[in-house]
Amino acid sequence: MAKPNFIELPTRDLAASLVFFDTVFGMKMTGFGPTYACTLTGDVDLGLQADPSEWTKAPLPVVEVNDLEATLSAVTAAGAAITKPIFSFPGGRRFHFLDPSGNELAAMQADAT
């Protein structure tokens, strides 16, 4: 069964955002290069994207699925536009798409551990 597992936010200042989320909410983030960090709780995690070329227009909900290719097929069969094809990232693979209301979401499959 699919479940929301991630919300990604664009950030103009990664360092300031890291301090903010730690100070206010006690969220400890793991850095993945100079422009990305996220919590790694295993529940619904928060990611911070500081690379402007990777920003989405709004917060990006990410839905974890068991079979990324089957989900891609289902999304395209339902008529949704793919905004970013399947790509790998540390911990898995994902793609982005638009729902019928034009909201951008992502579907991801975690690497086998």
C-alpha atoms as a PDB file:
ATOM      1  CA  MET A   1       0.000   0.000   0.000  1.00  0.00           C
ATOM      2  CA  ALA A   2       1.271   3.469  -0.833  1.00  0.00           C
ATOM      3  CA  LYS A   3       1.671   6.068   1.904  1.00  0.00           C
ATOM      4  CA  PRO A   4       2.887   9.641   2.130  1.00  0.00           C
ATOM      5  CA  ASN A   5       6.394   9.520   3.533  1.00  0.00           C
ATOM      6  CA  PHE A   6       8.081  12.799   2.657  1.00  0.00           C
ATOM      7  CA  ILE A   7       7.484  16.507   2.189  1.00  0.00           C
ATOM      8  CA  GLU A   8      10.144  18.505   0.362  1.00  0.00           C
ATOM      9  CA  LEU A   9      10.418  22.267   0.755  1.00  0.00           C
ATOM     10  CA  PRO A  10      12.392  24.683  -1.399  1.00  0.00           C
ATOM     11  CA  THR A  11      14.735  26.815   0.717  1.00  0.00           C
ATOM     12  CA  ARG A  12      16.731  29.924  -0.159  1.00  0.00           C
ATOM     13  CA  ASP A  13      19.149  29.477   2.766  1.00  0.00           C
ATOM     14  CA  LEU A  14      19.843  25.891   3.783  1.00  0.00           C
ATOM     15  CA  ALA A  15      21.947  26.809   6.816  1.00  0.00           C
ATOM     16  CA  ALA A  16      19.272  29.152   8.198  1.00  0.00           C
ATOM     17  CA  SER A  17      16.565  26.553   7.537  1.00  0.00           C
ATOM     18  CA  LEU A  18      18.559  23.866   9.347  1.00  0.00           C
ATOM     19  CA  VAL A  19      18.920  26.118  12.397  1.00  0.00           C
ATOM     20  CA  PHE A  20      15.222  27.077  12.273  1.00  0.00           C
ATOM     21  CA  PHE A  21      13.837  23.527  12.126  1.00  0.00           C
ATOM     22  CA  ASP A  22      16.264  22.337  14.803  1.00  0.00           C
ATOM     23  CA  THR A  23      15.626  25.270  17.151  1.00  0.00           C
ATOM     24  CA  VAL A  24      11.863  25.386  16.754  1.00  0.00           C
ATOM     25  CA  PHE A  25      10.973  21.704  16.311  1.00  0.00           C
ATOM     26  CA  GLY A  26      14.078  19.773  17.378  1.00  0.00           C
ATOM     27  CA  MET A  27      14.382  18.294  13.875  1.00  0.00           C
ATOM     28  CA  LYS A  28      17.857  16.920  13.231  1.00  0.00           C
ATOM     29  CA  MET A  29      18.726  16.890   9.538  1.00  0.00           C
ATOM     30  CA  THR A  30      21.238  14.810   7.601  1.00  0.00           C
ATOM     31  CA  GLY A  31      23.079  16.628   4.816  1.00  0.00           C
ATOM     32  CA  PHE A  32      23.346  15.135   1.331  1.00  0.00           C
ATOM     33  CA  GLY A  33      25.752  17.498  -0.389  1.00  0.00           C
ATOM     34  CA  PRO A  34      25.815  21.284  -0.191  1.00  0.00           C
ATOM     35  CA  THR A  35      22.200  21.892  -1.267  1.00  0.00           C
ATOM     36  CA  TYR A  36      20.091  19.194   0.399  1.00  0.00           C
ATOM     37  CA  ALA A  37      19.259  17.950   3.875  1.00  0.00           C
ATOM     38  CA  CYS A  38      16.436  15.942   5.409  1.00  0.00           C
ATOM     39  CA  THR A  39      15.194  14.226   8.516  1.00  0.00           C
ATOM     40  CA  LEU A  40      15.562  10.443   8.557  1.00  0.00           C
ATOM     41  CA  THR A  41      12.899   9.346  11.023  1.00  0.00           C
ATOM     42  CA  GLY A  42      11.389   6.619   8.856  1.00  0.00           C
ATOM     43  CA  ASP A  43       7.958   8.179   9.300  1.00  0.00           C
ATOM     44  CA  VAL A  44       6.924  11.280   7.319  1.00  0.00           C
ATOM     45  CA  ASP A  45      10.228  13.088   6.801  1.00  0.00           C
ATOM     46  CA  LEU A  46      11.004  16.672   5.813  1.00  0.00           C
ATOM     47  CA  GLY A  47      13.499  17.514   3.062  1.00  0.00           C
ATOM     48  CA  LEU A  48      15.048  20.910   2.318  1.00  0.00           C
ATOM     49  CA  GLN A  49      16.076  21.641  -1.284  1.00  0.00           C
ATOM     50  CA  ALA A  50      18.443  24.611  -1.693  1.00  0.00           C
ATOM     51  CA  ASP A  51      19.252  24.129  -5.387  1.00  0.00           C
ATOM     52  CA  PRO A  52      17.021  26.627  -7.253  1.00  0.00           C
ATOM     53  CA  SER A  53      17.097  24.461 -10.385  1.00  0.00           C
ATOM     54  CA  GLU A  54      15.401  21.688  -8.349  1.00  0.00           C
ATOM     55  CA  TRP A  55      12.765  23.818  -6.595  1.00  0.00           C
ATOM     56  CA  THR A  56       9.113  22.973  -7.023  1.00  0.00           C
ATOM     57  CA  LYS A  57       6.478  25.740  -7.014  1.00  0.00           C
ATOM     58  CA  ALA A  58       5.023  24.534  -3.720  1.00  0.00           C
ATOM     59  CA  PRO A  59       5.868  21.965  -1.042  1.00  0.00           C
ATOM     60  CA  LEU A  60       6.338  18.580  -2.689  1.00  0.00           C
ATOM     61  CA  PRO A  61       4.458  15.656  -1.107  1.00  0.00           C
ATOM     62  CA  VAL A  62       6.213  12.354  -1.826  1.00  0.00           C
ATOM     63  CA  VAL A  63       4.299   9.057  -1.777  1.00  0.00           C
ATOM     64  CA  GLU A  64       6.253   5.860  -1.106  1.00  0.00           C
ATOM     65  CA  VAL A  65       5.282   2.932  -3.342  1.00  0.00           C
ATOM     66  CA  ASN A  66       6.401  -0.676  -3.659  1.00  0.00           C
ATOM     67  CA  ASP A  67       6.806  -0.697  -7.471  1.00  0.00           C
ATOM     68  CA  LEU A  68       7.904   2.575  -9.054  1.00  0.00           C
ATOM     69  CA  GLU A  69       7.519   1.439 -12.671  1.00  0.00           C
ATOM     70  CA  ALA A  70       3.983   0.125 -12.056  1.00  0.00           C
ATOM     71  CA  THR A  71       3.104   3.412 -10.381  1.00  0.00           C
ATOM     72  CA  LEU A  72       4.525   5.376 -13.306  1.00  0.00           C
ATOM     73  CA  SER A  73       2.360   3.298 -15.654  1.00  0.00           C
ATOM     74  CA  ALA A  74      -0.734   3.891 -13.512  1.00  0.00           C
ATOM     75  CA  VAL A  75      -0.046   7.635 -13.268  1.00  0.00           C
ATOM     76  CA  THR A  76       0.390   8.011 -17.030  1.00  0.00           C
ATOM     77  CA  ALA A  77      -2.634   5.765 -17.750  1.00  0.00           C
ATOM     78  CA  ALA A  78      -4.692   8.095 -15.557  1.00  0.00           C
ATOM     79  CA  GLY A  79      -3.653  10.976 -17.818  1.00  0.00           C
ATOM     80  CA  ALA A  80      -1.290  12.739 -15.419  1.00  0.00           C
ATOM     81  CA  ALA A  81       1.624  14.731 -16.805  1.00  0.00           C
ATOM     82  CA  ILE A  82       5.112  13.609 -15.783  1.00  0.00           C
ATOM     83  CA  THR A  83       7.166  16.645 -14.745  1.00  0.00           C
ATOM     84  CA  LYS A  84      10.396  14.796 -13.939  1.00  0.00           C
ATOM     85  CA  PRO A  85      11.133  11.255 -15.174  1.00  0.00           C
ATOM     86  CA  ILE A  86      12.480   8.539 -12.889  1.00  0.00           C
ATOM     87  CA  PHE A  87      15.809   9.461 -11.311  1.00  0.00           C
ATOM     88  CA  SER A  88      17.963   8.074  -8.508  1.00  0.00           C
ATOM     89  CA  PHE A  89      18.803   9.834  -5.255  1.00  0.00           C
ATOM     90  CA  PRO A  90      20.527   8.641  -2.065  1.00  0.00           C
ATOM     91  CA  GLY A  91      18.129   6.027  -0.704  1.00  0.00           C
ATOM     92  CA  GLY A  92      15.962   5.304  -3.722  1.00  0.00           C
ATOM     93  CA  ARG A  93      14.403   6.441  -6.981  1.00  0.00           C
ATOM     94  CA  ARG A  94      11.457   8.707  -7.770  1.00  0.00           C
ATOM     95  CA  PHE A  95       9.554  10.648 -10.412  1.00  0.00           C
ATOM     96  CA  HIS A  96       7.372  13.769 -10.285  1.00  0.00           C
ATOM     97  CA  PHE A  97       3.896  14.248 -11.759  1.00  0.00           C
ATOM     98  CA  LEU A  98       0.886  16.571 -11.715  1.00  0.00           C
ATOM     99  CA  ASP A  99      -2.408  15.472 -10.185  1.00  0.00           C
ATOM    100  CA  PRO A 100      -5.720  16.455 -11.878  1.00  0.00           C
ATOM    101  CA  SER A 101      -5.681  19.812 -10.033  1.00  0.00           C
ATOM    102  CA  GLY A 102      -2.158  20.654 -11.179  1.00  0.00           C
ATOM    103  CA  ASN A 103      -0.442  19.908  -7.856  1.00  0.00           C
ATOM    104  CA  GLU A 104       3.048  18.466  -8.218  1.00  0.00           C
ATOM    105  CA  LEU A 105       3.700  15.259  -6.300  1.00  0.00           C
ATOM    106  CA  ALA A 106       6.386  12.595  -6.401  1.00  0.00           C
ATOM    107  CA  ALA A 107       6.264   8.825  -6.160  1.00  0.00           C
ATOM    108  CA  MET A 108       9.327   7.103  -4.724  1.00  0.00           C
ATOM    109  CA  GLN A 109      10.598   3.600  -4.137  1.00  0.00           C
ATOM    110  CA  ALA A 110      13.208   3.092  -1.452  1.00  0.00           C
ATOM    111  CA  ASP A 111      16.315   1.073  -2.177  1.00  0.00           C
ATOM    112  CA  ALA A 112      16.223  -2.464  -0.802  1.00  0.00           C
ATOM    113  CA  THR A 113      17.983  -2.565   2.562  1.00  0.00           C
END
